[in-house]
Amino acid sequence: MNEAISAYQRITVSPEFRELELERSLARHDEATALYYAREEGMGIGMEKGRMEGKMEAARNLKALGIPTDIIVKSIGLPPEEIAKL
């Protein structure tokens, strides 16, 4: 056990080991940062697009049922011009 500890201490003192460990650490940090921003961007854009598609679908369904445009505008929150395009 003492030999293993001694070998570990000799290895970790070397400049090559420190440089490799620093590079690994930076790579892990870069990967974590990239994943964080990808998730934030995906959630922001994807969720907003999903909400808009949901509103459009709901407005389309209400319009198909014969609900007046002014009521659809109040209930869904889309502008009348968007509802008129449906």
PDB file of N, CA and C in Angstrom:
ATOM      1  N   MET A   1       0.826  -1.189   0.000  1.00  0.00           N
ATOM      2  CA  MET A   1       0.000   0.000   0.000  1.00  0.00           C
ATOM      3  C   MET A   1       0.868   1.251   0.000  1.00  0.00           C
ATOM      4  N   ASN A   2       1.924   1.221   0.793  1.00  0.00           N
ATOM      5  CA  ASN A   2       2.823   2.376   0.848  1.00  0.00           C
ATOM      6  C   ASN A   2       3.478   2.626  -0.504  1.00  0.00           C
ATOM      7  N   GLU A   3       3.781   1.539  -1.239  1.00  0.00           N
ATOM      8  CA  GLU A   3       4.384   1.705  -2.561  1.00  0.00           C
ATOM      9  C   GLU A   3       3.407   2.381  -3.521  1.00  0.00           C
ATOM     10  N   ALA A   4       2.156   2.009  -3.438  1.00  0.00           N
ATOM     11  CA  ALA A   4       1.144   2.608  -4.308  1.00  0.00           C
ATOM     12  C   ALA A   4       0.981   4.090  -4.003  1.00  0.00           C
ATOM     13  N   ILE A   5       0.956   4.429  -2.734  1.00  0.00           N
ATOM     14  CA  ILE A   5       0.836   5.836  -2.336  1.00  0.00           C
ATOM     15  C   ILE A   5       2.049   6.616  -2.801  1.00  0.00           C
ATOM     16  N   SER A   6       3.211   6.032  -2.638  1.00  0.00           N
ATOM     17  CA  SER A   6       4.453   6.685  -3.053  1.00  0.00           C
ATOM     18  C   SER A   6       4.471   6.888  -4.566  1.00  0.00           C
ATOM     19  N   ALA A   7       4.061   5.874  -5.331  1.00  0.00           N
ATOM     20  CA  ALA A   7       4.028   5.999  -6.786  1.00  0.00           C
ATOM     21  C   ALA A   7       3.042   7.075  -7.209  1.00  0.00           C
ATOM     22  N   TYR A   8       1.875   7.110  -6.579  1.00  0.00           N
ATOM     23  CA  TYR A   8       0.871   8.135  -6.897  1.00  0.00           C
ATOM     24  C   TYR A   8       1.424   9.529  -6.642  1.00  0.00           C
ATOM     25  N   GLN A   9       2.112   9.701  -5.521  1.00  0.00           N
ATOM     26  CA  GLN A   9       2.681  11.008  -5.188  1.00  0.00           C
ATOM     27  C   GLN A   9       3.753  11.415  -6.192  1.00  0.00           C
ATOM     28  N   ARG A  10       4.565  10.463  -6.656  1.00  0.00           N
ATOM     29  CA  ARG A  10       5.600  10.781  -7.649  1.00  0.00           C
ATOM     30  C   ARG A  10       4.965  11.200  -8.973  1.00  0.00           C
ATOM     31  N   ILE A  11       3.900  10.500  -9.360  1.00  0.00           N
ATOM     32  CA  ILE A  11       3.245  10.794 -10.636  1.00  0.00           C
ATOM     33  C   ILE A  11       2.569  12.163 -10.596  1.00  0.00           C
ATOM     34  N   THR A  12       1.873  12.456  -9.515  1.00  0.00           N
ATOM     35  CA  THR A  12       1.114  13.706  -9.450  1.00  0.00           C
ATOM     36  C   THR A  12       1.995  14.931  -9.320  1.00  0.00           C
ATOM     37  N   VAL A  13       3.237  14.747  -8.980  1.00  0.00           N
ATOM     38  CA  VAL A  13       4.161  15.868  -8.866  1.00  0.00           C
ATOM     39  C   VAL A  13       4.687  16.268 -10.238  1.00  0.00           C
ATOM     40  N   SER A  14       4.673  15.362 -11.192  1.00  0.00           N
ATOM     41  CA  SER A  14       5.275  15.642 -12.499  1.00  0.00           C
ATOM     42  C   SER A  14       4.486  16.718 -13.239  1.00  0.00           C
ATOM     43  N   PRO A  15       5.194  17.587 -13.957  1.00  0.00           N
ATOM     44  CA  PRO A  15       4.533  18.654 -14.728  1.00  0.00           C
ATOM     45  C   PRO A  15       3.625  18.092 -15.830  1.00  0.00           C
ATOM     46  N   GLU A  16       4.025  16.960 -16.410  1.00  0.00           N
ATOM     47  CA  GLU A  16       3.199  16.360 -17.465  1.00  0.00           C
ATOM     48  C   GLU A  16       1.832  15.948 -16.910  1.00  0.00           C
ATOM     49  N   PHE A  17       1.856  15.337 -15.734  1.00  0.00           N
ATOM     50  CA  PHE A  17       0.603  14.911 -15.112  1.00  0.00           C
ATOM     51  C   PHE A  17      -0.280  16.110 -14.797  1.00  0.00           C
ATOM     52  N   ARG A  18       0.315  17.147 -14.253  1.00  0.00           N
ATOM     53  CA  ARG A  18      -0.459  18.352 -13.920  1.00  0.00           C
ATOM     54  C   ARG A  18      -1.088  18.962 -15.168  1.00  0.00           C
ATOM     55  N   GLU A  19      -0.314  18.992 -16.254  1.00  0.00           N
ATOM     56  CA  GLU A  19      -0.830  19.569 -17.493  1.00  0.00           C
ATOM     57  C   GLU A  19      -1.989  18.728 -18.040  1.00  0.00           C
ATOM     58  N   LEU A  20      -1.821  17.399 -18.027  1.00  0.00           N
ATOM     59  CA  LEU A  20      -2.908  16.530 -18.477  1.00  0.00           C
ATOM     60  C   LEU A  20      -4.143  16.695 -17.606  1.00  0.00           C
ATOM     61  N   GLU A  21      -3.948  16.779 -16.325  1.00  0.00           N
ATOM     62  CA  GLU A  21      -5.078  16.933 -15.407  1.00  0.00           C
ATOM     63  C   GLU A  21      -5.783  18.268 -15.632  1.00  0.00           C
ATOM     64  N   LEU A  22      -5.022  19.318 -15.891  1.00  0.00           N
ATOM     65  CA  LEU A  22      -5.608  20.625 -16.193  1.00  0.00           C
ATOM     66  C   LEU A  22      -6.412  20.560 -17.488  1.00  0.00           C
ATOM     67  N   GLU A  23      -5.861  19.920 -18.517  1.00  0.00           N
ATOM     68  CA  GLU A  23      -6.577  19.787 -19.788  1.00  0.00           C
ATOM     69  C   GLU A  23      -7.870  18.997 -19.613  1.00  0.00           C
ATOM     70  N   ARG A  24      -7.819  17.923 -18.847  1.00  0.00           N
ATOM     71  CA  ARG A  24      -9.028  17.129 -18.584  1.00  0.00           C
ATOM     72  C   ARG A  24     -10.081  17.967 -17.862  1.00  0.00           C
ATOM     73  N   SER A  25      -9.619  18.721 -16.889  1.00  0.00           N
ATOM     74  CA  SER A  25     -10.532  19.561 -16.123  1.00  0.00           C
ATOM     75  C   SER A  25     -11.195  20.612 -17.009  1.00  0.00           C
ATOM     76  N   LEU A  26     -10.390  21.239 -17.862  1.00  0.00           N
ATOM     77  CA  LEU A  26     -10.934  22.247 -18.773  1.00  0.00           C
ATOM     78  C   LEU A  26     -11.906  21.620 -19.768  1.00  0.00           C
ATOM     79  N   ALA A  27     -11.594  20.424 -20.249  1.00  0.00           N
ATOM     80  CA  ALA A  27     -12.485  19.739 -21.188  1.00  0.00           C
ATOM     81  C   ALA A  27     -13.816  19.410 -20.522  1.00  0.00           C
ATOM     82  N   ARG A  28     -13.771  18.944 -19.279  1.00  0.00           N
ATOM     83  CA  ARG A  28     -15.019  18.653 -18.556  1.00  0.00           C
ATOM     84  C   ARG A  28     -15.835  19.925 -18.365  1.00  0.00           C
ATOM     85  N   HIS A  29     -15.150  21.020 -18.032  1.00  0.00           N
ATOM     86  CA  HIS A  29     -15.833  22.293 -17.842  1.00  0.00           C
ATOM     87  C   HIS A  29     -16.455  22.768 -19.149  1.00  0.00           C
ATOM     88  N   ASP A  30     -15.707  22.683 -20.247  1.00  0.00           N
ATOM     89  CA  ASP A  30     -16.229  23.094 -21.550  1.00  0.00           C
ATOM     90  C   ASP A  30     -17.450  22.272 -21.947  1.00  0.00           C
ATOM     91  N   GLU A  31     -17.393  20.971 -21.699  1.00  0.00           N
ATOM     92  CA  GLU A  31     -18.517  20.105 -22.038  1.00  0.00           C
ATOM     93  C   GLU A  31     -19.749  20.456 -21.205  1.00  0.00           C
ATOM     94  N   ALA A  32     -19.538  20.678 -19.927  1.00  0.00           N
ATOM     95  CA  ALA A  32     -20.658  21.032 -19.052  1.00  0.00           C
ATOM     96  C   ALA A  32     -21.270  22.366 -19.474  1.00  0.00           C
ATOM     97  N   THR A  33     -20.431  23.321 -19.830  1.00  0.00           N
ATOM     98  CA  THR A  33     -20.914  24.632 -20.270  1.00  0.00           C
ATOM     99  C   THR A  33     -21.701  24.507 -21.569  1.00  0.00           C
ATOM    100  N   ALA A  34     -21.173  23.732 -22.516  1.00  0.00           N
ATOM    101  CA  ALA A  34     -21.862  23.539 -23.795  1.00  0.00           C
ATOM    102  C   ALA A  34     -23.215  22.876 -23.584  1.00  0.00           C
ATOM    103  N   LEU A  35     -23.272  21.868 -22.728  1.00  0.00           N
ATOM    104  CA  LEU A  35     -24.545  21.197 -22.451  1.00  0.00           C
ATOM    105  C   LEU A  35     -25.540  22.140 -21.786  1.00  0.00           C
ATOM    106  N   TYR A  36     -25.048  22.975 -20.880  1.00  0.00           N
ATOM    107  CA  TYR A  36     -25.919  23.937 -20.199  1.00  0.00           C
ATOM    108  C   TYR A  36     -26.552  24.897 -21.211  1.00  0.00           C
ATOM    109  N   TYR A  37     -25.718  25.481 -22.086  1.00  0.00           N
ATOM    110  CA  TYR A  37     -26.243  26.442 -23.045  1.00  0.00           C
ATOM    111  C   TYR A  37     -27.125  25.770 -24.095  1.00  0.00           C
ATOM    112  N   ALA A  38     -26.787  24.551 -24.485  1.00  0.00           N
ATOM    113  CA  ALA A  38     -27.631  23.833 -25.438  1.00  0.00           C
ATOM    114  C   ALA A  38     -29.001  23.575 -24.827  1.00  0.00           C
ATOM    115  N   ARG A  39     -29.016  23.207 -23.568  1.00  0.00           N
ATOM    116  CA  ARG A  39     -30.284  22.945 -22.891  1.00  0.00           C
ATOM    117  C   ARG A  39     -31.094  24.232 -22.763  1.00  0.00           C
ATOM    118  N   GLU A  40     -30.446  25.306 -22.352  1.00  0.00           N
ATOM    119  CA  GLU A  40     -31.147  26.584 -22.206  1.00  0.00           C
ATOM    120  C   GLU A  40     -31.722  27.051 -23.533  1.00  0.00           C
ATOM    121  N   GLU A  41     -30.919  26.955 -24.594  1.00  0.00           N
ATOM    122  CA  GLU A  41     -31.375  27.402 -25.901  1.00  0.00           C
ATOM    123  C   GLU A  41     -32.503  26.519 -26.411  1.00  0.00           C
ATOM    124  N   GLY A  42     -32.339  25.237 -26.263  1.00  0.00           N
ATOM    125  CA  GLY A  42     -33.365  24.303 -26.716  1.00  0.00           C
ATOM    126  C   GLY A  42     -34.674  24.476 -25.981  1.00  0.00           C
ATOM    127  N   MET A  43     -34.588  24.679 -24.683  1.00  0.00           N
ATOM    128  CA  MET A  43     -35.810  24.844 -23.899  1.00  0.00           C
ATOM    129  C   MET A  43     -36.482  26.163 -24.225  1.00  0.00           C
ATOM    130  N   GLY A  44     -35.695  27.210 -24.381  1.00  0.00           N
ATOM    131  CA  GLY A  44     -36.286  28.520 -24.656  1.00  0.00           C
ATOM    132  C   GLY A  44     -36.982  28.576 -25.994  1.00  0.00           C
ATOM    133  N   ILE A  45     -36.274  28.166 -27.035  1.00  0.00           N
ATOM    134  CA  ILE A  45     -36.832  28.229 -28.384  1.00  0.00           C
ATOM    135  C   ILE A  45     -37.893  27.156 -28.566  1.00  0.00           C
ATOM    136  N   GLY A  46     -37.575  25.942 -28.149  1.00  0.00           N
ATOM    137  CA  GLY A  46     -38.493  24.829 -28.331  1.00  0.00           C
ATOM    138  C   GLY A  46     -39.796  25.016 -27.584  1.00  0.00           C
ATOM    139  N   MET A  47     -39.711  25.481 -26.362  1.00  0.00           N
ATOM    140  CA  MET A  47     -40.920  25.656 -25.571  1.00  0.00           C
ATOM    141  C   MET A  47     -41.780  26.771 -26.125  1.00  0.00           C
ATOM    142  N   GLU A  48     -41.153  27.858 -26.536  1.00  0.00           N
ATOM    143  CA  GLU A  48     -41.912  28.984 -27.084  1.00  0.00           C
ATOM    144  C   GLU A  48     -42.603  28.575 -28.379  1.00  0.00           C
ATOM    145  N   LYS A  49     -41.888  27.853 -29.219  1.00  0.00           N
ATOM    146  CA  LYS A  49     -42.474  27.386 -30.477  1.00  0.00           C
ATOM    147  C   LYS A  49     -43.633  26.432 -30.183  1.00  0.00           C
ATOM    148  N   GLY A  50     -43.453  25.563 -29.211  1.00  0.00           N
ATOM    149  CA  GLY A  50     -44.501  24.629 -28.831  1.00  0.00           C
ATOM    150  C   GLY A  50     -45.739  25.342 -28.306  1.00  0.00           C
ATOM    151  N   ARG A  51     -45.520  26.375 -27.509  1.00  0.00           N
ATOM    152  CA  ARG A  51     -46.659  27.149 -26.991  1.00  0.00           C
ATOM    153  C   ARG A  51     -47.438  27.801 -28.134  1.00  0.00           C
ATOM    154  N   MET A  52     -46.699  28.387 -29.076  1.00  0.00           N
ATOM    155  CA  MET A  52     -47.356  29.066 -30.198  1.00  0.00           C
ATOM    156  C   MET A  52     -48.135  28.057 -31.043  1.00  0.00           C
ATOM    157  N   GLU A  53     -47.535  26.897 -31.296  1.00  0.00           N
ATOM    158  CA  GLU A  53     -48.243  25.876 -32.071  1.00  0.00           C
ATOM    159  C   GLU A  53     -49.498  25.408 -31.332  1.00  0.00           C
ATOM    160  N   GLY A  54     -49.402  25.296 -30.016  1.00  0.00           N
ATOM    161  CA  GLY A  54     -50.556  24.910 -29.219  1.00  0.00           C
ATOM    162  C   GLY A  54     -51.666  25.941 -29.290  1.00  0.00           C
ATOM    163  N   LYS A  55     -51.300  27.199 -29.219  1.00  0.00           N
ATOM    164  CA  LYS A  55     -52.292  28.270 -29.325  1.00  0.00           C
ATOM    165  C   LYS A  55     -52.954  28.269 -30.699  1.00  0.00           C
ATOM    166  N   MET A  56     -52.134  28.069 -31.739  1.00  0.00           N
ATOM    167  CA  MET A  56     -52.679  28.057 -33.094  1.00  0.00           C
ATOM    168  C   MET A  56     -53.653  26.883 -33.267  1.00  0.00           C
ATOM    169  N   GLU A  57     -53.297  25.730 -32.742  1.00  0.00           N
ATOM    170  CA  GLU A  57     -54.165  24.558 -32.840  1.00  0.00           C
ATOM    171  C   GLU A  57     -55.486  24.793 -32.099  1.00  0.00           C
ATOM    172  N   ALA A  58     -55.396  25.368 -30.902  1.00  0.00           N
ATOM    173  CA  ALA A  58     -56.598  25.656 -30.127  1.00  0.00           C
ATOM    174  C   ALA A  58     -57.475  26.666 -30.865  1.00  0.00           C
ATOM    175  N   ALA A  59     -56.865  27.694 -31.422  1.00  0.00           N
ATOM    176  CA  ALA A  59     -57.627  28.703 -32.165  1.00  0.00           C
ATOM    177  C   ALA A  59     -58.279  28.076 -33.394  1.00  0.00           C
ATOM    178  N   ARG A  60     -57.552  27.200 -34.075  1.00  0.00           N
ATOM    179  CA  ARG A  60     -58.085  26.510 -35.248  1.00  0.00           C
ATOM    180  C   ARG A  60     -59.312  25.667 -34.867  1.00  0.00           C
ATOM    181  N   ASN A  61     -59.202  24.975 -33.757  1.00  0.00           N
ATOM    182  CA  ASN A  61     -60.324  24.142 -33.293  1.00  0.00           C
ATOM    183  C   ASN A  61     -61.539  24.991 -32.914  1.00  0.00           C
ATOM    184  N   LEU A  62     -61.292  26.087 -32.206  1.00  0.00           N
ATOM    185  CA  LEU A  62     -62.408  26.958 -31.812  1.00  0.00           C
ATOM    186  C   LEU A  62     -63.085  27.572 -33.030  1.00  0.00           C
ATOM    187  N   LYS A  63     -62.246  27.968 -34.003  1.00  0.00           N
ATOM    188  CA  LYS A  63     -62.801  28.556 -35.224  1.00  0.00           C
ATOM    189  C   LYS A  63     -63.645  27.517 -35.971  1.00  0.00           C
ATOM    190  N   ALA A  64     -63.185  26.269 -35.992  1.00  0.00           N
ATOM    191  CA  ALA A  64     -63.936  25.194 -36.657  1.00  0.00           C
ATOM    192  C   ALA A  64     -65.276  24.946 -35.967  1.00  0.00           C
ATOM    193  N   LEU A  65     -65.348  25.220 -34.677  1.00  0.00           N
ATOM    194  CA  LEU A  65     -66.599  25.058 -33.938  1.00  0.00           C
ATOM    195  C   LEU A  65     -67.547  26.243 -34.119  1.00  0.00           C
ATOM    196  N   GLY A  66     -67.059  27.277 -34.812  1.00  0.00           N
ATOM    197  CA  GLY A  66     -67.899  28.436 -35.071  1.00  0.00           C
ATOM    198  C   GLY A  66     -67.854  29.497 -33.983  1.00  0.00           C
ATOM    199  N   ILE A  67     -66.850  29.437 -33.130  1.00  0.00           N
ATOM    200  CA  ILE A  67     -66.706  30.438 -32.058  1.00  0.00           C
ATOM    201  C   ILE A  67     -66.278  31.759 -32.697  1.00  0.00           C
ATOM    202  N   PRO A  68     -66.901  32.881 -32.311  1.00  0.00           N
ATOM    203  CA  PRO A  68     -66.533  34.182 -32.875  1.00  0.00           C
ATOM    204  C   PRO A  68     -65.064  34.543 -32.602  1.00  0.00           C
ATOM    205  N   THR A  69     -64.486  35.246 -33.558  1.00  0.00           N
ATOM    206  CA  THR A  69     -63.079  35.618 -33.486  1.00  0.00           C
ATOM    207  C   THR A  69     -62.750  36.414 -32.234  1.00  0.00           C
ATOM    208  N   ASP A  70     -63.620  37.339 -31.839  1.00  0.00           N
ATOM    209  CA  ASP A  70     -63.313  38.165 -30.658  1.00  0.00           C
ATOM    210  C   ASP A  70     -63.207  37.309 -29.394  1.00  0.00           C
ATOM    211  N   ILE A  71     -63.985  36.254 -29.299  1.00  0.00           N
ATOM    212  CA  ILE A  71     -63.905  35.375 -28.135  1.00  0.00           C
ATOM    213  C   ILE A  71     -62.616  34.545 -28.195  1.00  0.00           C
ATOM    214  N   ILE A  72     -62.241  34.110 -29.397  1.00  0.00           N
ATOM    215  CA  ILE A  72     -60.983  33.364 -29.551  1.00  0.00           C
ATOM    216  C   ILE A  72     -59.804  34.245 -29.169  1.00  0.00           C
ATOM    217  N   VAL A  73     -59.841  35.507 -29.599  1.00  0.00           N
ATOM    218  CA  VAL A  73     -58.759  36.449 -29.265  1.00  0.00           C
ATOM    219  C   VAL A  73     -58.629  36.582 -27.754  1.00  0.00           C
ATOM    220  N   LYS A  74     -59.752  36.748 -27.066  1.00  0.00           N
ATOM    221  CA  LYS A  74     -59.726  36.914 -25.612  1.00  0.00           C
ATOM    222  C   LYS A  74     -59.273  35.638 -24.898  1.00  0.00           C
ATOM    223  N   SER A  75     -59.698  34.496 -25.387  1.00  0.00           N
ATOM    224  CA  SER A  75     -59.393  33.256 -24.675  1.00  0.00           C
ATOM    225  C   SER A  75     -57.993  32.715 -24.989  1.00  0.00           C
ATOM    226  N   ILE A  76     -57.526  32.866 -26.211  1.00  0.00           N
ATOM    227  CA  ILE A  76     -56.232  32.297 -26.614  1.00  0.00           C
ATOM    228  C   ILE A  76     -55.106  33.316 -26.516  1.00  0.00           C
ATOM    229  N   GLY A  77     -55.407  34.569 -26.808  1.00  0.00           N
ATOM    230  CA  GLY A  77     -54.385  35.604 -26.733  1.00  0.00           C
ATOM    231  C   GLY A  77     -53.644  35.844 -28.033  1.00  0.00           C
ATOM    232  N   LEU A  78     -54.138  35.284 -29.112  1.00  0.00           N
ATOM    233  CA  LEU A  78     -53.528  35.550 -30.417  1.00  0.00           C
ATOM    234  C   LEU A  78     -54.155  36.797 -31.029  1.00  0.00           C
ATOM    235  N   PRO A  79     -53.420  37.513 -31.849  1.00  0.00           N
ATOM    236  CA  PRO A  79     -53.995  38.679 -32.512  1.00  0.00           C
ATOM    237  C   PRO A  79     -55.068  38.257 -33.532  1.00  0.00           C
ATOM    238  N   PRO A  80     -56.053  39.098 -33.763  1.00  0.00           N
ATOM    239  CA  PRO A  80     -57.130  38.761 -34.701  1.00  0.00           C
ATOM    240  C   PRO A  80     -56.620  38.435 -36.100  1.00  0.00           C
ATOM    241  N   GLU A  81     -55.513  39.071 -36.511  1.00  0.00           N
ATOM    242  CA  GLU A  81     -54.962  38.820 -37.855  1.00  0.00           C
ATOM    243  C   GLU A  81     -54.511  37.358 -37.999  1.00  0.00           C
ATOM    244  N   GLU A  82     -53.905  36.822 -36.925  1.00  0.00           N
ATOM    245  CA  GLU A  82     -53.458  35.434 -36.953  1.00  0.00           C
ATOM    246  C   GLU A  82     -54.635  34.481 -37.022  1.00  0.00           C
ATOM    247  N   ILE A  83     -55.677  34.793 -36.300  1.00  0.00           N
ATOM    248  CA  ILE A  83     -56.873  33.935 -36.290  1.00  0.00           C
ATOM    249  C   ILE A  83     -57.568  33.992 -37.656  1.00  0.00           C
ATOM    250  N   ALA A  84     -57.564  35.172 -38.273  1.00  0.00           N
ATOM    251  CA  ALA A  84     -58.202  35.314 -39.576  1.00  0.00           C
ATOM    252  C   ALA A  84     -57.472  34.477 -40.638  1.00  0.00           C
ATOM    253  N   LYS A  85     -56.179  34.253 -40.465  1.00  0.00           N
ATOM    254  CA  LYS A  85     -55.410  33.449 -41.440  1.00  0.00           C
ATOM    255  C   LYS A  85     -55.753  31.973 -41.363  1.00  0.00           C
ATOM    256  N   LEU A  86     -56.318  31.541 -40.246  1.00  0.00           N
ATOM    257  CA  LEU A  86     -56.594  30.107 -40.077  1.00  0.00           C
ATOM    258  C   LEU A  86     -57.718  29.627 -40.947  1.00  0.00           C
TER     259      LEU A  86
END
